[in-house]
Protein backbone atom coordinates (compact mmCIF):
# COMPACT_ATOMS: atom_id res chain seq x y z
CA MET A 1 -12.31 8.03 19.29
CA TYR A 2 -10.98 9.25 15.94
CA ARG A 3 -13.24 11.30 13.68
CA ILE A 4 -13.43 10.81 9.92
CA ILE A 5 -12.75 14.23 8.38
CA LYS A 6 -13.03 13.22 4.73
CA LYS A 7 -14.25 10.21 2.77
CA LYS A 8 -13.75 9.73 -0.96
CA GLU A 9 -14.37 6.79 -3.26
CA LEU A 10 -11.30 6.37 -5.48
CA ASN A 11 -12.77 3.49 -7.46
CA PRO A 12 -15.57 0.94 -6.84
CA THR A 13 -13.48 -1.07 -4.35
CA VAL A 14 -11.01 1.48 -2.95
CA THR A 15 -11.80 4.26 -0.47
CA LEU A 16 -9.77 7.16 0.92
CA MET A 17 -10.34 8.52 4.43
CA GLU A 18 -8.71 11.37 6.31
CA ILE A 19 -8.70 10.74 10.06
CA ASP A 20 -8.30 13.32 12.82
CA ALA A 21 -5.30 11.85 14.64
CA PRO A 22 -2.85 14.63 15.57
CA LEU A 23 -0.49 12.50 17.67
CA VAL A 24 -0.08 9.97 14.84
CA ALA A 25 0.28 12.72 12.22
CA LYS A 26 3.01 14.36 14.30
CA LYS A 27 5.41 11.42 13.87
CA ALA A 28 4.20 9.53 10.78
CA GLU A 29 6.62 8.86 7.92
CA PRO A 30 6.18 7.18 4.51
CA GLY A 31 6.28 3.40 4.73
CA GLN A 32 4.81 3.23 8.23
CA PHE A 33 1.37 1.92 9.13
CA ILE A 34 -1.36 2.25 11.73
CA ILE A 35 -3.60 -0.31 13.39
CA LEU A 36 -7.28 0.51 13.64
CA ARG A 37 -10.37 -0.99 15.18
CA VAL A 38 -13.73 0.14 13.86
CA ASP A 39 -15.70 -0.54 17.06
CA ASP A 40 -15.53 -2.34 20.40
CA GLU A 41 -16.20 -5.74 18.80
CA GLY A 42 -13.99 -5.15 15.78
CA GLU A 43 -10.77 -6.90 14.82
CA ARG A 44 -7.48 -5.02 14.63
CA ILE A 45 -6.15 -4.46 11.09
CA PRO A 46 -2.99 -2.74 9.84
CA LEU A 47 -3.29 -0.06 7.13
CA THR A 48 -0.39 1.86 5.63
CA VAL A 49 -0.23 5.64 6.07
CA ALA A 50 -1.06 7.01 2.62
CA ASP A 51 -0.40 10.64 3.59
CA PHE A 52 -0.40 12.96 6.59
CA ASP A 53 -0.74 16.63 7.43
CA ARG A 54 1.12 17.53 10.59
CA GLN A 55 -0.37 21.03 10.75
CA ALA A 56 -3.96 19.85 10.34
CA GLY A 57 -3.34 16.79 12.52
CA THR A 58 -4.78 14.36 9.98
CA VAL A 59 -3.67 11.00 8.63
CA THR A 60 -4.87 9.62 5.30
CA ILE A 61 -5.58 5.93 4.84
CA ILE A 62 -6.57 4.21 1.61
CA PHE A 63 -8.08 0.74 1.78
CA GLN A 64 -9.48 -1.88 -0.54
CA ILE A 65 -12.78 -3.46 0.47
CA VAL A 66 -11.81 -7.13 0.67
CA GLY A 67 -12.79 -8.37 4.12
CA SER A 68 -15.20 -7.93 6.99
CA THR A 69 -13.44 -4.99 8.67
CA THR A 70 -12.84 -2.97 5.51
CA GLU A 71 -16.51 -3.50 4.59
CA LYS A 72 -17.58 -2.17 8.02
CA LEU A 73 -15.12 0.70 7.75
CA ASN A 74 -16.50 1.67 4.35
CA HIS A 75 -20.00 2.00 5.82
CA LEU A 76 -18.80 4.86 8.03
CA ASN A 77 -19.09 8.42 6.74
CA GLU A 78 -17.62 11.85 7.38
CA GLY A 79 -18.27 12.84 10.99
CA ASP A 80 -18.39 9.23 12.21
CA GLU A 81 -15.69 7.97 14.56
CA ILE A 82 -13.31 5.03 14.60
CA LYS A 83 -12.74 3.34 17.96
CA ASP A 84 -8.94 2.89 17.79
CA PHE A 85 -6.25 4.35 15.52
CA VAL A 86 -2.76 3.47 16.77
CA GLY A 87 0.62 4.34 15.30
CA PRO A 88 2.78 5.10 13.55
CA LEU A 89 4.28 1.60 13.50
CA GLY A 90 6.93 -0.06 11.37
CA VAL A 91 10.24 1.20 10.01
CA PRO A 92 9.99 4.27 7.71
CA THR A 93 11.06 3.86 4.10
CA HIS A 94 14.72 4.81 3.64
CA THR A 95 15.00 7.77 1.24
CA GLU A 96 18.13 9.60 2.42
CA GLY A 97 20.88 10.12 -0.13
CA LEU A 98 18.91 8.85 -3.12
CA LYS A 99 19.23 11.01 -6.23
CA LYS A 100 17.23 9.07 -8.81
CA VAL A 101 14.61 6.45 -8.05
CA ALA A 102 11.98 4.48 -9.93
CA VAL A 103 8.87 4.02 -7.80
CA VAL A 104 6.74 1.14 -9.07
CA GLY A 105 3.19 0.77 -7.79
CA GLY A 106 0.56 -1.82 -8.56
CA GLY A 107 -3.16 -1.45 -7.87
CA VAL A 108 -3.99 -0.33 -4.34
CA GLY A 109 -0.26 -0.58 -3.59
CA CYS A 110 -0.05 2.84 -5.21
CA ALA A 111 -1.52 4.20 -1.99
CA ILE A 112 1.69 3.11 -0.25
CA ALA A 113 3.95 4.12 -3.12
CA TYR A 114 2.62 7.68 -3.35
CA PRO A 115 3.89 9.04 0.02
CA VAL A 116 7.30 7.51 -0.74
CA ALA A 117 7.41 9.25 -4.13
CA LYS A 118 6.27 12.48 -2.47
CA LYS A 119 9.02 12.40 0.15
CA LEU A 120 11.66 11.62 -2.48
CA HIS A 121 10.41 14.50 -4.62
CA ASN A 122 10.49 16.89 -1.66
CA SER A 123 14.09 15.79 -1.05
CA SER A 124 15.07 16.93 -4.58
CA CYS A 125 15.34 13.35 -5.83
CA GLU A 126 14.44 12.64 -9.46
CA VAL A 127 11.39 10.40 -9.33
CA HIS A 128 10.12 8.18 -12.12
CA SER A 129 6.76 6.66 -11.19
CA VAL A 130 5.47 3.57 -12.98
CA VAL A 131 1.97 2.49 -11.94
CA GLY A 132 -0.13 -0.42 -13.10
CA PHE A 133 -3.82 -1.32 -12.95
CA ARG A 134 -6.06 -3.95 -14.52
CA ASN A 135 -8.07 -1.27 -16.32
CA LYS A 136 -8.85 2.46 -16.44
CA ASP A 137 -11.72 2.23 -13.93
CA LEU A 138 -9.32 1.09 -11.18
CA LEU A 139 -6.86 3.98 -11.63
CA ILE A 140 -6.16 5.96 -8.43
CA LEU A 141 -4.05 8.96 -7.37
CA GLU A 142 -3.09 10.04 -10.88
CA ASP A 143 -2.95 13.77 -10.14
CA GLU A 144 -1.05 13.15 -6.92
CA PHE A 145 1.61 11.05 -8.66
CA LYS A 146 1.98 13.53 -11.50
CA ALA A 147 2.66 16.32 -9.00
CA VAL A 148 5.65 14.50 -7.47
CA SER A 149 7.06 12.67 -10.52
CA ASP A 150 9.58 13.76 -13.13
CA LYS A 151 8.28 10.92 -15.27
CA TYR A 152 4.91 9.24 -14.86
CA VAL A 153 3.95 6.07 -16.75
CA VAL A 154 0.58 4.31 -16.50
CA MET A 155 0.19 0.70 -17.56
CA THR A 156 -3.12 -1.19 -17.83
CA ASP A 157 -3.56 -4.90 -18.49
CA ASP A 158 -6.22 -4.27 -21.14
CA GLY A 159 -4.80 -1.07 -22.65
CA SER A 160 -7.87 0.97 -21.66
CA TYR A 161 -5.60 3.76 -20.34
CA GLY A 162 -1.94 4.64 -20.68
CA GLU A 163 0.08 1.84 -22.25
CA LYS A 164 -1.00 -1.78 -22.52
CA GLY A 165 1.15 -4.19 -20.57
CA LEU A 166 2.76 -4.75 -17.20
CA VAL A 167 4.81 -2.42 -14.99
CA THR A 168 7.82 -4.60 -15.71
CA ASP A 169 7.45 -3.80 -19.41
CA ALA A 170 7.61 -0.08 -18.70
CA LEU A 171 10.47 -0.40 -16.21
CA LYS A 172 12.52 -2.50 -18.62
CA LYS A 173 11.95 0.07 -21.38
CA LEU A 174 13.18 2.88 -19.11
CA ILE A 175 16.28 0.95 -18.03
CA GLU A 176 17.18 -0.13 -21.55
CA GLY A 177 16.55 3.44 -22.70
CA GLY A 178 19.49 4.56 -20.57
CA GLU A 179 17.88 5.50 -17.24
CA LYS A 180 20.19 4.71 -14.34
CA TYR A 181 18.53 4.41 -10.96
CA ASP A 182 20.10 4.45 -7.51
CA GLU A 183 17.22 2.27 -6.40
CA VAL A 184 13.88 0.85 -7.45
CA ILE A 185 11.08 0.84 -4.87
CA ALA A 186 8.27 -1.59 -5.71
CA ILE A 187 4.97 -1.73 -3.85
CA GLY A 188 1.96 -3.77 -4.88
CA PRO A 189 0.75 -7.37 -5.22
CA LEU A 190 3.30 -9.99 -4.24
CA VAL A 191 3.46 -11.43 -7.76
CA MET A 192 4.13 -7.99 -9.22
CA MET A 193 6.95 -7.31 -6.75
CA LYS A 194 8.43 -10.74 -7.45
CA PHE A 195 8.77 -10.05 -11.16
CA VAL A 196 9.99 -6.48 -10.66
CA CYS A 197 12.78 -7.91 -8.51
CA ARG A 198 13.55 -10.60 -11.05
CA LEU A 199 13.94 -7.87 -13.69
CA THR A 200 16.07 -5.50 -11.62
CA LYS A 201 18.35 -8.32 -10.51
CA GLU A 202 19.35 -8.74 -14.15
CA TYR A 203 20.56 -5.13 -14.16
CA ASP A 204 22.01 -5.19 -10.64
CA ILE A 205 19.72 -2.41 -9.40
CA LYS A 206 18.99 -2.39 -5.68
CA THR A 207 15.27 -2.94 -5.15
CA MET A 208 13.24 -2.43 -2.01
CA VAL A 209 9.77 -3.92 -1.60
CA SER A 210 6.99 -3.40 0.93
CA MET A 211 5.70 -6.62 2.44
CA ASN A 212 2.66 -4.86 3.84
CA PRO A 213 0.27 -7.17 1.90
CA ILE A 214 1.03 -10.13 4.19
CA MET A 215 0.61 -8.31 7.52
CA ILE A 216 -2.27 -9.33 9.79
CA ASP A 217 -1.79 -8.56 13.47
CA GLY A 218 0.78 -5.79 13.00
CA THR A 219 2.72 -6.50 16.22
CA GLY A 220 4.68 -9.66 15.41
CA MET A 221 2.61 -11.79 17.79
CA CYS A 222 0.48 -13.74 15.31
CA GLY A 223 3.30 -14.86 13.03
CA GLY A 224 1.13 -14.42 9.96
CA CYS A 225 3.60 -12.07 8.30
CA ARG A 226 6.59 -14.34 8.82
CA LEU A 227 8.83 -14.47 5.75
CA SER A 228 12.31 -15.54 4.70
CA VAL A 229 14.77 -12.79 3.78
CA GLY A 230 18.24 -13.93 2.80
CA GLY A 231 17.61 -17.24 4.53
CA GLU A 232 16.63 -15.56 7.81
CA THR A 233 13.15 -15.40 9.34
CA LYS A 234 11.75 -11.87 9.51
CA PHE A 235 8.41 -10.35 10.40
CA ALA A 236 6.98 -7.79 7.99
CA CYS A 237 5.36 -5.73 10.73
CA VAL A 238 8.25 -5.31 13.19
CA ASP A 239 11.31 -5.78 10.97
CA GLY A 240 9.79 -4.01 7.95
CA PRO A 241 7.59 -3.59 6.10
CA ASP A 242 10.43 -2.73 3.65
CA PHE A 243 13.00 -5.35 2.66
CA ASP A 244 15.65 -5.95 0.02
CA GLY A 245 13.52 -7.53 -2.68
CA HIS A 246 16.38 -9.59 -4.08
CA LEU A 247 16.58 -11.45 -0.76
CA VAL A 248 12.85 -12.09 -0.21
CA ASP A 249 11.47 -15.60 -0.77
CA PHE A 250 8.38 -14.50 -2.68
CA ASP A 251 7.12 -18.01 -3.41
CA GLU A 252 6.92 -18.73 0.32
CA ALA A 253 5.23 -15.37 1.00
CA ILE A 254 2.67 -15.91 -1.76
CA GLU A 255 1.82 -19.38 -0.47
CA ARG A 256 1.39 -18.02 3.06
CA SER A 257 -0.84 -15.13 1.94
CA ASN A 258 -3.14 -17.48 0.03
CA MET A 259 -3.89 -19.39 3.23
CA TYR A 260 -6.28 -16.69 4.45
CA LYS A 261 -8.23 -15.88 1.28
CA ASP A 262 -11.14 -18.30 1.78
CA PHE A 263 -11.68 -17.18 5.36
CA GLU A 264 -11.40 -13.52 4.35
CA ARG A 265 -14.01 -13.97 1.62
CA GLN A 266 -16.37 -15.80 3.97
CA ARG A 267 -16.19 -13.04 6.61
CA TYR A 268 -16.67 -10.38 3.91
CA GLU A 269 -19.84 -12.07 2.61
CA GLU A 270 -21.20 -12.47 6.15
CA THR A 271 -20.68 -8.76 6.84
CA CYS A 272 -22.24 -7.75 3.50
CA ASN A 273 -25.31 -9.86 4.24
CA LEU A 274 -25.56 -8.29 7.71
CA PHE A 275 -25.62 -4.76 6.29
CA LYS A 276 -28.13 -5.78 3.60
CA ASN A 277 -30.48 -7.22 6.22
CA GLN A 278 -30.15 -4.06 8.32
CA GLU A 279 -31.01 -1.89 5.32
CA ARG A 280 -34.10 -4.00 4.54
CA SER A 281 -35.37 -3.66 8.11
CA VAL A 282 -35.13 0.17 8.08
């Protein structure tokens, strides 16, 4: 069993938890993920490592409440325990030798982008972080990003915070302003990553993306995270989750990810109703 050391609401739909998992913390690297199971009857879900503290033996996860398991997980509190917490899994994000990088994060994808930016910063790399949210209320990890970024730009769809517009607007402005990046690392919704890659391809800037959003089983057995990269079939969980974004068939990946949304919503509503009925009976 794995004890929840800390729980913090980052916004109305996103929660941070620190888990006591010393063996995972000992080997975790940015870009990797864990698989957890809330209880004996629970499904297995992959969640990216958002941070870790080797000395304290803790691993931080950040999750958006979108399905049955994340709803159940969010009902746990500090001191409660999670049944299974396995990892680290996946290939760590490549950061060696990079001198100047633009890290682009969208929404809850910023939880994955932050540890990458942190590692780059600790490696004396110049880090420009561009993050995007629908509005100010959904902003997360601002202080954390500022601490590891030489430049930090916030974009909101409605202009309620930072600059109004998309992350691609900010990235294009930086590039055309003379910034020369060894690499762009984009992590967020599939549509966002698609258009970041379309932009950077125009400027011939290598761009890596995390295909974490399409993972389901996390072991390569279910085939749900199958995608085409440079005409070859890859699995996000065992071959990635990071891939050369200019080679990813995003249209195929987006179509595949949409296949599960109705089922995910149904299971979420069933779980919400279960908790509501339990609360009424108390």
